[in-house]
N, C-alpha and C. Protein backbone atom coordinates (compact mmCIF):
# COMPACT_ATOMS: atom_id res chain seq x y z
N UNK A 1 -22.72 12.47 -4.72
CA UNK A 1 -21.98 13.41 -4.40
C UNK A 1 -21.41 13.57 -3.05
N UNK A 2 -22.86 13.18 -2.34
CA UNK A 2 -22.16 13.78 -0.85
C UNK A 2 -21.54 12.57 0.10
N UNK A 3 -21.61 11.16 -0.65
CA UNK A 3 -20.96 10.17 -0.54
C UNK A 3 -19.37 10.51 -0.82
N UNK A 4 -19.23 10.89 -1.66
CA UNK A 4 -17.46 11.49 -2.28
C UNK A 4 -16.97 12.20 -1.33
N UNK A 5 -17.94 13.11 -1.08
CA UNK A 5 -17.12 14.13 0.10
C UNK A 5 -17.11 13.79 1.56
N UNK A 6 -17.81 12.97 2.12
CA UNK A 6 -17.57 12.28 3.30
C UNK A 6 -16.38 11.18 2.63
N UNK A 7 -16.37 10.57 2.02
CA UNK A 7 -15.27 9.65 2.20
C UNK A 7 -14.01 10.36 2.39
N UNK A 8 -13.78 11.20 0.99
CA UNK A 8 -12.84 12.00 0.97
C UNK A 8 -12.21 12.96 2.14
N UNK A 9 -13.63 13.68 2.74
CA UNK A 9 -12.80 13.86 4.21
C UNK A 9 -12.17 12.85 5.10
N UNK A 10 -13.23 11.73 5.41
CA UNK A 10 -12.70 10.65 5.86
C UNK A 10 -11.16 10.21 5.52
N UNK A 11 -11.03 9.92 4.76
CA UNK A 11 -9.56 9.90 3.95
C UNK A 11 -8.45 10.80 4.66
N UNK A 12 -8.99 12.29 4.16
CA UNK A 12 -7.56 13.00 4.57
C UNK A 12 -7.98 12.72 6.31
N UNK A 13 -8.86 12.76 6.86
CA UNK A 13 -8.83 13.25 8.44
C UNK A 13 -7.69 12.12 8.95
N UNK A 14 -8.08 10.57 8.28
CA UNK A 14 -7.47 9.40 8.70
C UNK A 14 -5.76 9.58 7.91
N UNK A 15 -5.91 10.05 6.83
CA UNK A 15 -4.03 10.23 6.53
C UNK A 15 -3.65 11.11 7.42
N UNK A 16 -4.05 12.21 8.09
CA UNK A 16 -3.32 13.14 8.43
C UNK A 16 -2.97 12.75 10.01
N UNK A 17 -4.44 12.10 10.66
CA UNK A 17 -3.76 11.17 11.57
C UNK A 17 -2.51 10.49 11.64
N UNK A 18 -2.50 9.36 10.83
CA UNK A 18 -1.37 8.25 10.64
C UNK A 18 0.06 9.44 9.93
N UNK A 19 -0.13 10.09 9.69
CA UNK A 19 1.25 11.07 9.51
C UNK A 19 1.90 11.56 10.93
N UNK A 20 0.85 12.24 11.45
CA UNK A 20 1.01 12.55 12.87
C UNK A 20 1.39 11.21 13.78
N UNK A 21 1.25 10.55 13.54
CA UNK A 21 1.62 9.13 14.81
C UNK A 21 3.01 8.88 14.42
N UNK A 22 2.99 8.77 12.91
CA UNK A 22 4.21 8.45 12.61
C UNK A 22 5.56 9.10 12.89
N UNK A 23 5.13 10.50 12.34
CA UNK A 23 6.39 11.66 12.97
C UNK A 23 6.77 11.99 14.16
N UNK A 24 5.91 11.27 15.53
CA UNK A 24 5.63 11.43 16.61
C UNK A 24 6.28 10.49 17.30
N UNK A 25 6.54 9.20 16.67
CA UNK A 25 6.84 7.81 17.14
C UNK A 25 8.35 7.39 16.40
N UNK A 26 8.59 7.95 15.71
CA UNK A 26 9.91 7.37 14.79
C UNK A 26 11.20 7.41 15.71
N UNK A 27 11.70 8.35 16.54
CA UNK A 27 12.64 8.17 17.27
C UNK A 27 12.52 7.40 18.24
N UNK A 28 11.36 7.25 18.76
CA UNK A 28 11.10 5.81 19.77
C UNK A 28 11.69 4.70 19.64
N UNK A 29 11.10 3.81 18.47
CA UNK A 29 11.92 2.30 18.80
C UNK A 29 12.85 2.16 17.60
N UNK A 30 13.28 1.20 17.67
CA UNK A 30 14.72 0.82 16.11
C UNK A 30 13.98 -0.07 15.43
N UNK A 31 13.94 -0.10 13.91
CA UNK A 31 13.15 -1.09 13.19
C UNK A 31 13.99 -2.30 13.72
N UNK A 32 13.58 -3.28 14.05
CA UNK A 32 13.95 -4.83 14.12
C UNK A 32 13.52 -5.77 13.02
N UNK A 33 13.63 -6.82 13.11
CA UNK A 33 12.96 -8.09 12.08
C UNK A 33 11.64 -8.77 12.89
N UNK A 34 11.47 -8.03 14.00
CA UNK A 34 10.21 -8.75 14.95
C UNK A 34 9.03 -7.99 14.97
N UNK A 35 9.01 -6.72 14.06
CA UNK A 35 8.21 -5.80 13.71
C UNK A 35 7.38 -6.27 12.67
N UNK A 36 6.73 -7.36 12.37
CA UNK A 36 5.73 -7.83 11.49
C UNK A 36 4.98 -6.94 10.64
N UNK A 37 4.29 -5.97 11.64
CA UNK A 37 3.06 -5.36 11.25
C UNK A 37 3.33 -4.07 10.35
N UNK A 38 2.58 -3.62 9.46
CA UNK A 38 2.86 -2.30 8.98
C UNK A 38 1.56 -1.54 8.69
N UNK A 39 1.24 -0.30 9.21
CA UNK A 39 0.27 0.59 8.87
C UNK A 39 0.35 1.94 8.41
N UNK A 40 0.01 2.24 7.40
CA UNK A 40 -0.01 3.70 6.84
C UNK A 40 -0.50 4.23 5.45
N UNK A 41 -0.06 4.68 4.99
CA UNK A 41 -1.11 5.46 3.66
C UNK A 41 -0.42 5.26 2.42
N UNK A 42 -1.34 5.57 1.59
CA UNK A 42 -0.26 5.02 0.33
C UNK A 42 -1.11 6.31 -0.64
N UNK A 43 -0.29 7.02 -1.55
CA UNK A 43 -0.58 8.08 -1.80
C UNK A 43 -0.59 8.29 -3.45
N UNK A 44 -1.49 8.55 -4.41
CA UNK A 44 -1.25 8.14 -5.81
C UNK A 44 -3.03 7.97 -6.35
N UNK A 45 -2.66 6.74 -7.03
CA UNK A 45 -4.53 6.68 -7.56
C UNK A 45 -4.34 4.69 -7.35
N UNK A 46 -4.99 4.79 -6.54
CA UNK A 46 -6.14 5.02 -5.43
C UNK A 46 -5.29 5.55 -4.29
N UNK A 47 -5.58 6.25 -3.42
CA UNK A 47 -5.02 7.14 -2.12
C UNK A 47 -5.77 6.66 -1.21
N UNK A 48 -5.44 5.95 -0.19
CA UNK A 48 -5.40 5.69 1.38
C UNK A 48 -4.54 4.86 2.37
N UNK A 49 -5.31 4.11 2.76
CA UNK A 49 -4.59 3.47 3.97
C UNK A 49 -3.88 2.37 3.40
N UNK A 50 -3.16 1.87 4.32
CA UNK A 50 -2.19 0.60 3.64
C UNK A 50 -1.88 0.10 4.69
N UNK A 51 -1.85 -1.57 4.54
CA UNK A 51 -1.25 -2.30 5.55
C UNK A 51 -0.57 -3.68 5.08
N UNK A 52 0.49 -3.85 6.06
CA UNK A 52 1.08 -4.86 5.33
C UNK A 52 1.95 -5.66 6.41
N UNK A 53 1.72 -7.04 6.24
CA UNK A 53 1.94 -8.14 7.41
C UNK A 53 3.03 -9.12 7.02
N UNK A 54 4.49 -9.21 7.40
CA UNK A 54 5.37 -10.41 6.89
C UNK A 54 5.06 -11.40 7.17
N UNK A 55 5.34 -12.09 6.54
CA UNK A 55 4.80 -13.63 7.13
C UNK A 55 6.26 -14.44 7.32
N UNK A 56 6.89 -14.28 7.66
CA UNK A 56 8.21 -15.18 8.04
C UNK A 56 8.95 -13.85 8.75
N UNK A 57 10.03 -14.70 9.77
CA UNK A 57 10.62 -14.19 10.19
C UNK A 57 11.70 -13.01 10.40
N UNK A 58 12.41 -13.35 9.10
CA UNK A 58 13.30 -12.78 8.72
C UNK A 58 12.88 -11.14 8.39
N UNK A 59 11.72 -10.95 7.86
CA UNK A 59 10.65 -9.76 7.78
C UNK A 59 11.09 -8.95 6.38
N UNK A 60 11.79 -9.98 5.48
CA UNK A 60 11.91 -9.54 4.21
C UNK A 60 12.10 -10.30 2.65
N UNK A 61 11.27 -11.66 3.08
CA UNK A 61 11.09 -12.29 2.06
C UNK A 61 9.07 -12.80 1.54
N UNK A 62 8.32 -12.87 2.23
CA UNK A 62 7.12 -12.92 1.82
C UNK A 62 6.13 -11.68 2.87
N UNK A 63 5.28 -11.72 2.19
CA UNK A 63 4.08 -10.53 3.08
C UNK A 63 2.71 -10.23 2.60
N UNK A 64 1.78 -10.18 3.30
CA UNK A 64 0.76 -10.00 2.70
C UNK A 64 0.52 -8.22 2.66
N UNK A 65 -0.25 -8.22 1.41
CA UNK A 65 -0.77 -6.14 1.91
C UNK A 65 -2.09 -6.08 1.22
N UNK A 66 -2.40 -5.10 2.24
CA UNK A 66 -3.74 -4.75 2.25
C UNK A 66 -4.12 -3.28 1.90
N UNK A 67 -5.35 -3.04 1.25
CA UNK A 67 -5.35 -1.60 1.19
C UNK A 67 -6.71 -1.08 1.24
N UNK A 68 -7.01 0.03 1.58
CA UNK A 68 -8.46 1.06 1.59
C UNK A 68 -8.02 2.30 1.26
N UNK A 69 -8.88 2.07 -0.38
CA UNK A 69 -8.73 3.57 -0.87
C UNK A 69 -9.45 4.24 -1.34
N UNK A 70 -9.66 5.06 -1.96
CA UNK A 70 -10.42 6.07 -2.68
C UNK A 70 -9.80 6.18 -3.61
N UNK A 71 -10.54 6.25 -5.02
CA UNK A 71 -10.08 6.53 -6.29
C UNK A 71 -10.42 7.80 -6.91
N UNK A 72 -9.49 8.76 -7.80
CA UNK A 72 -10.30 9.53 -7.98
C UNK A 72 -11.05 9.54 -9.51
N UNK A 73 -11.39 8.01 -10.01
CA UNK A 73 -12.64 7.75 -10.48
C UNK A 73 -14.04 7.60 -9.76
N UNK A 74 -13.76 8.34 -8.62
CA UNK A 74 -15.07 8.19 -7.25
C UNK A 74 -15.67 7.18 -7.09
N UNK A 75 -14.79 6.27 -6.73
CA UNK A 75 -15.45 5.06 -5.99
C UNK A 75 -14.13 4.23 -5.01
N UNK A 76 -14.81 3.80 -3.98
CA UNK A 76 -13.80 2.97 -3.01
C UNK A 76 -13.41 1.73 -3.65
N UNK A 77 -12.29 1.39 -3.11
CA UNK A 77 -11.28 0.27 -3.38
C UNK A 77 -10.93 -0.52 -2.01
N UNK A 78 -10.89 -1.51 -2.34
CA UNK A 78 -10.13 -2.36 -1.20
C UNK A 78 -9.61 -3.73 -2.20
N UNK A 79 -8.27 -3.72 -1.54
CA UNK A 79 -7.72 -4.64 -2.50
C UNK A 79 -6.94 -5.16 -1.43
N UNK A 80 -5.97 -6.71 -2.05
CA UNK A 80 -5.26 -7.49 -1.05
C UNK A 80 -4.17 -8.29 -2.13
N UNK A 81 -2.91 -8.65 -1.55
CA UNK A 81 -1.68 -9.07 -2.28
C UNK A 81 -1.31 -10.16 -1.54
N UNK A 82 -0.62 -10.60 -2.44
CA UNK A 82 0.53 -11.52 -1.64
C UNK A 82 1.81 -11.00 -2.48
N UNK A 83 2.86 -10.83 -1.68
CA UNK A 83 4.19 -10.30 -1.93
C UNK A 83 5.31 -10.88 -1.70
N UNK A 84 6.31 -11.26 -2.96
CA UNK A 84 7.55 -11.70 -2.60
C UNK A 84 8.42 -10.76 -2.96
N UNK A 85 9.52 -10.87 -2.00
CA UNK A 85 10.24 -9.81 -1.72
C UNK A 85 11.95 -10.39 -1.99
N UNK A 86 12.74 -9.39 -2.80
CA UNK A 86 13.84 -9.88 -3.14
C UNK A 86 14.94 -9.14 -2.47
N UNK A 87 15.60 -9.37 -1.52
CA UNK A 87 16.10 -8.52 -0.98
C UNK A 87 18.00 -8.21 -1.67
N UNK A 88 18.55 -7.34 -1.56
CA UNK A 88 20.24 -7.28 -2.21
C UNK A 88 19.61 -6.94 -3.96
N UNK A 89 18.37 -6.61 -4.13
CA UNK A 89 17.96 -6.76 -5.69
C UNK A 89 18.82 -5.48 -6.39
N UNK A 90 18.96 -4.04 -5.81
CA UNK A 90 19.40 -2.91 -6.17
C UNK A 90 21.03 -3.07 -5.84
N UNK A 91 21.45 -3.92 -5.40
CA UNK A 91 22.78 -4.16 -4.97
C UNK A 91 22.90 -3.95 -3.58
N UNK A 92 24.49 -4.35 -3.23
CA UNK A 92 24.46 -4.20 -1.41
C UNK A 92 25.65 -2.79 -1.58
N UNK A 93 25.97 -1.98 -2.68
CA UNK A 93 27.15 -1.39 -2.58
C UNK A 93 27.15 0.21 -1.68
N UNK A 94 25.97 0.50 -1.44
CA UNK A 94 25.41 1.25 -0.10
C UNK A 94 24.85 1.14 0.88
N UNK A 95 24.39 2.04 1.72
CA UNK A 95 23.67 1.75 2.54
C UNK A 95 22.37 2.10 2.85
N UNK A 96 21.85 2.71 1.67
CA UNK A 96 20.52 2.92 0.90
C UNK A 96 20.28 1.50 0.45
N UNK A 97 21.18 1.02 -0.60
CA UNK A 97 20.52 -0.11 -1.44
C UNK A 97 20.68 -1.29 -0.66
N UNK A 98 21.20 -1.52 0.46
CA UNK A 98 21.15 -2.56 1.59
C UNK A 98 20.09 -2.89 1.95
N UNK A 99 19.10 -1.29 2.25
CA UNK A 99 17.97 -1.41 2.84
C UNK A 99 16.77 -1.27 1.81
N UNK A 100 16.87 -1.28 0.54
CA UNK A 100 15.94 -0.99 -0.66
C UNK A 100 15.70 -2.45 -0.75
N UNK A 101 14.46 -2.82 -0.74
CA UNK A 101 13.85 -4.30 -1.40
C UNK A 101 13.00 -3.98 -2.56
N UNK A 102 13.38 -4.79 -3.30
CA UNK A 102 12.59 -5.02 -4.65
C UNK A 102 11.03 -6.20 -4.31
N UNK A 103 10.25 -5.82 -4.73
CA UNK A 103 9.22 -7.03 -4.54
C UNK A 103 8.08 -7.02 -5.70
N UNK A 104 7.36 -8.17 -6.11
CA UNK A 104 6.71 -8.39 -6.88
C UNK A 104 5.18 -9.70 -6.42
N UNK A 105 4.41 -9.47 -7.11
CA UNK A 105 3.17 -10.36 -6.64
C UNK A 105 1.95 -10.45 -7.34
N UNK A 106 0.74 -11.17 -6.74
CA UNK A 106 -0.22 -10.58 -7.13
C UNK A 106 -1.45 -10.71 -6.06
N UNK A 107 -2.82 -10.32 -6.77
CA UNK A 107 -3.73 -9.83 -5.35
C UNK A 107 -4.97 -9.39 -6.57
N UNK A 108 -5.92 -9.16 -5.33
CA UNK A 108 -7.44 -8.96 -6.08
C UNK A 108 -7.90 -7.78 -6.06
N UNK A 109 -8.96 -7.16 -6.34
CA UNK A 109 -9.37 -5.74 -6.22
C UNK A 109 -10.55 -6.14 -6.07
N UNK A 110 -11.59 -5.30 -5.41
CA UNK A 110 -13.11 -5.26 -4.88
C UNK A 110 -13.34 -3.46 -5.45
N UNK A 111 -13.65 -3.06 -5.96
CA UNK A 111 -14.29 -1.77 -6.01
C UNK A 111 -15.65 -1.59 -5.87
N UNK A 112 -16.05 -0.57 -5.11
CA UNK A 112 -17.53 -0.49 -4.83
C UNK A 112 -18.12 1.41 -4.91
N UNK A 113 -19.32 1.62 -4.75
CA UNK A 113 -19.18 3.08 -4.18
C UNK A 113 -20.46 3.77 -5.65
N UNK A 114 -20.70 4.94 -5.71
CA UNK A 114 -21.46 5.35 -6.59
C UNK A 114 -21.24 6.76 -7.22
N UNK A 115 -20.92 6.81 -8.61
CA UNK A 115 -20.47 8.02 -9.16
C UNK A 115 -21.75 8.18 -10.24
N UNK A 116 -21.54 9.15 -11.08
CA UNK A 116 -22.37 9.44 -11.64
C UNK A 116 -22.43 8.46 -13.33
N UNK A 117 -21.44 7.61 -13.24
CA UNK A 117 -21.15 6.88 -14.32
C UNK A 117 -21.41 5.33 -13.72
N UNK A 118 -21.13 5.02 -12.63
CA UNK A 118 -20.97 3.71 -11.90
C UNK A 118 -21.80 3.70 -10.81
N UNK A 119 -23.08 2.86 -10.56
CA UNK A 119 -23.51 2.53 -9.23
C UNK A 119 -23.48 1.23 -8.82
N UNK A 120 -22.26 0.45 -8.94
CA UNK A 120 -22.16 -1.15 -8.34
C UNK A 120 -20.74 -1.21 -8.01
N UNK A 121 -20.85 -2.67 -7.47
CA UNK A 121 -19.33 -3.20 -7.17
C UNK A 121 -19.09 -3.89 -8.22
N UNK A 122 -17.62 -3.94 -8.10
CA UNK A 122 -16.64 -4.85 -9.79
C UNK A 122 -15.54 -5.57 -8.81
N UNK A 123 -15.14 -6.59 -9.29
CA UNK A 123 -13.80 -6.97 -8.67
C UNK A 123 -12.89 -7.53 -10.18
N UNK A 124 -11.66 -7.60 -9.89
CA UNK A 124 -10.62 -7.75 -10.47
C UNK A 124 -9.28 -8.16 -10.13
N UNK A 125 -8.38 -7.87 -10.74
CA UNK A 125 -7.04 -8.66 -10.47
C UNK A 125 -5.75 -7.62 -10.34
N UNK A 126 -4.63 -7.59 -9.87
CA UNK A 126 -3.67 -6.84 -9.98
C UNK A 126 -2.58 -7.62 -9.75
N UNK A 127 -1.49 -6.92 -10.36
CA UNK A 127 -0.03 -7.82 -10.49
C UNK A 127 0.89 -6.20 -9.69
N UNK A 128 0.98 -6.50 -8.45
CA UNK A 128 1.58 -5.18 -8.09
C UNK A 128 3.53 -5.61 -8.23
N UNK A 129 4.35 -4.57 -8.49
CA UNK A 129 5.52 -4.78 -8.28
C UNK A 129 6.08 -3.05 -7.23
N UNK A 130 6.95 -3.04 -6.87
CA UNK A 130 7.98 -2.22 -6.60
C UNK A 130 8.92 -2.15 -5.58
N UNK A 131 8.91 -1.24 -4.91
CA UNK A 131 10.50 -1.29 -4.22
C UNK A 131 9.91 -0.51 -2.77
N UNK A 132 10.51 -1.19 -1.47
CA UNK A 132 10.25 -0.17 -0.42
C UNK A 132 11.43 -0.01 0.45
N UNK A 133 11.87 1.24 0.79
CA UNK A 133 13.02 1.53 1.74
C UNK A 133 12.85 1.38 3.07
N UNK A 134 13.22 -0.09 3.99
CA UNK A 134 13.06 -0.11 5.31
C UNK A 134 14.09 0.71 6.01
N UNK A 135 13.52 1.65 6.95
CA UNK A 135 14.87 2.39 7.29
C UNK A 135 15.64 1.69 8.31
N UNK A 136 16.68 1.38 8.87
CA UNK A 136 17.63 0.94 9.66
C UNK A 136 17.61 0.97 11.10
N UNK A 137 17.18 2.46 11.16
CA UNK A 137 17.12 2.46 12.47
C UNK A 137 15.60 3.43 13.30
N UNK A 138 15.06 3.14 12.18
CA UNK A 138 13.22 3.77 12.59
C UNK A 138 12.12 2.68 12.10
N UNK A 139 11.50 2.60 12.85
CA UNK A 139 10.32 1.39 12.34
C UNK A 139 9.63 2.15 11.07
N UNK A 140 9.96 2.19 10.22
CA UNK A 140 9.31 3.32 9.41
C UNK A 140 9.64 2.22 7.84
N UNK A 141 8.47 2.57 6.64
CA UNK A 141 9.26 1.84 5.85
C UNK A 141 8.64 2.74 4.47
N UNK A 142 9.17 3.44 3.17
CA UNK A 142 8.62 4.56 2.47
C UNK A 142 9.08 3.45 1.18
N UNK A 143 7.92 3.40 0.32
CA UNK A 143 7.67 2.76 -1.37
C UNK A 143 7.39 3.01 -2.13
N UNK A 144 7.52 2.84 -3.39
CA UNK A 144 6.69 3.31 -4.27
C UNK A 144 6.29 1.74 -5.58
N UNK A 145 5.18 1.96 -5.56
CA UNK A 145 4.62 0.52 -6.25
C UNK A 145 3.76 0.95 -6.92
N UNK A 146 3.93 -0.43 -8.08
CA UNK A 146 3.26 0.11 -9.94
C UNK A 146 2.20 -1.26 -9.81
N UNK A 147 1.30 -1.62 -9.92
CA UNK A 147 0.40 -2.28 -10.10
C UNK A 147 -0.72 -2.33 -11.26
N UNK A 148 -0.44 -3.03 -12.56
CA UNK A 148 -0.99 -3.20 -13.73
C UNK A 148 -2.27 -4.21 -13.18
N UNK A 149 -3.48 -4.20 -13.90
CA UNK A 149 -4.48 -5.39 -13.99
C UNK A 149 -5.73 -5.23 -14.59
N UNK A 150 -6.68 -5.74 -14.32
CA UNK A 150 -7.88 -6.24 -14.99
C UNK A 150 -8.94 -6.42 -14.31
N UNK A 151 -9.91 -5.21 -14.45
CA UNK A 151 -11.15 -5.28 -13.87
C UNK A 151 -11.98 -6.36 -14.71
N UNK A 152 -12.60 -7.19 -14.08
CA UNK A 152 -13.44 -8.42 -14.51
C UNK A 152 -14.90 -7.82 -14.57
N UNK A 153 -15.29 -7.70 -13.86
CA UNK A 153 -16.89 -7.57 -13.31
C UNK A 153 -17.12 -5.88 -12.53
N UNK A 154 -18.01 -5.50 -13.05
CA UNK A 154 -19.23 -5.79 -14.01
C UNK A 154 -18.65 -5.65 -15.48
N UNK A 155 -17.50 -4.86 -15.79
CA UNK A 155 -17.24 -5.03 -17.12
C UNK A 155 -15.82 -5.05 -17.00
N UNK A 156 -14.86 -5.03 -18.48
CA UNK A 156 -13.61 -5.59 -18.60
C UNK A 156 -12.75 -4.23 -18.91
N UNK A 157 -12.03 -3.82 -17.97
CA UNK A 157 -10.91 -2.74 -18.58
C UNK A 157 -9.55 -3.29 -17.87
N UNK A 158 -9.09 -2.39 -18.78
CA UNK A 158 -7.40 -2.45 -17.68
C UNK A 158 -7.34 -1.64 -16.70
N UNK A 159 -6.60 -1.89 -15.53
CA UNK A 159 -6.61 -0.65 -14.56
C UNK A 159 -5.13 -0.55 -14.48
N UNK A 160 -4.70 0.52 -13.56
CA UNK A 160 -3.21 1.01 -13.22
C UNK A 160 -3.13 1.60 -12.09
N UNK A 161 -2.88 1.10 -11.05
CA UNK A 161 -2.40 1.40 -9.97
C UNK A 161 -0.84 2.05 -9.26
N UNK A 162 -0.95 3.50 -8.54
CA UNK A 162 0.41 3.84 -8.59
C UNK A 162 0.70 4.39 -7.57
N UNK A 163 1.63 4.18 -6.54
CA UNK A 163 1.14 5.38 -5.66
C UNK A 163 2.23 4.62 -4.53
N UNK A 164 3.20 6.24 -3.95
CA UNK A 164 3.97 6.06 -3.08
C UNK A 164 3.28 5.81 -1.51
N UNK A 165 4.07 4.86 -0.79
CA UNK A 165 3.70 3.91 0.76
C UNK A 165 4.39 4.89 1.46
N UNK A 166 3.91 4.83 2.81
CA UNK A 166 4.64 5.27 4.16
C UNK A 166 3.82 4.57 5.03
N UNK A 167 4.94 3.64 5.72
CA UNK A 167 4.27 2.74 6.65
C UNK A 167 5.19 2.71 8.20
N UNK A 168 4.45 2.57 9.08
CA UNK A 168 5.26 2.46 10.43
C UNK A 168 4.99 1.15 10.78
N UNK A 169 5.91 0.47 11.27
CA UNK A 169 5.97 -1.05 12.03
C UNK A 169 5.87 -1.39 13.31
N UNK A 170 5.29 -1.96 13.62
CA UNK A 170 5.54 -2.25 14.92
C UNK A 170 5.34 -3.75 15.09
């Protein structure tokens, strides 16, 4: 129980710090494709820190996504995904749709921590898909992700991760 409260307090502190950093700096830089790294938060199940690294020059085709989060099931999660993006999936009729990029991918997830029910590590895979809006004039991205998957070790369970992402790109 003490570990859970410590992890939750750490998570809240980092979330507040990252939100403040994004709010303070969003007017300073203009978003462009040379900004290949995004750091931020994911709010949902699980909730925590999120990072994204674009692998291409255009910044809208392939990326690696990582996260360190806390699940309401009282365990920590470390996840990593390879993502493929589809610009123009939602059409090009409006300025909003032009900057909304759909994506899908595959990745792994590592569970760790202790609760009254579990005191072990676990391993699984996930299939994330979603959309991220990349602000045209600010280095921020806001997205929604759904990632169904399977926990394989130590037992087999279906998993579902859903979250809102907020990232600052630099």
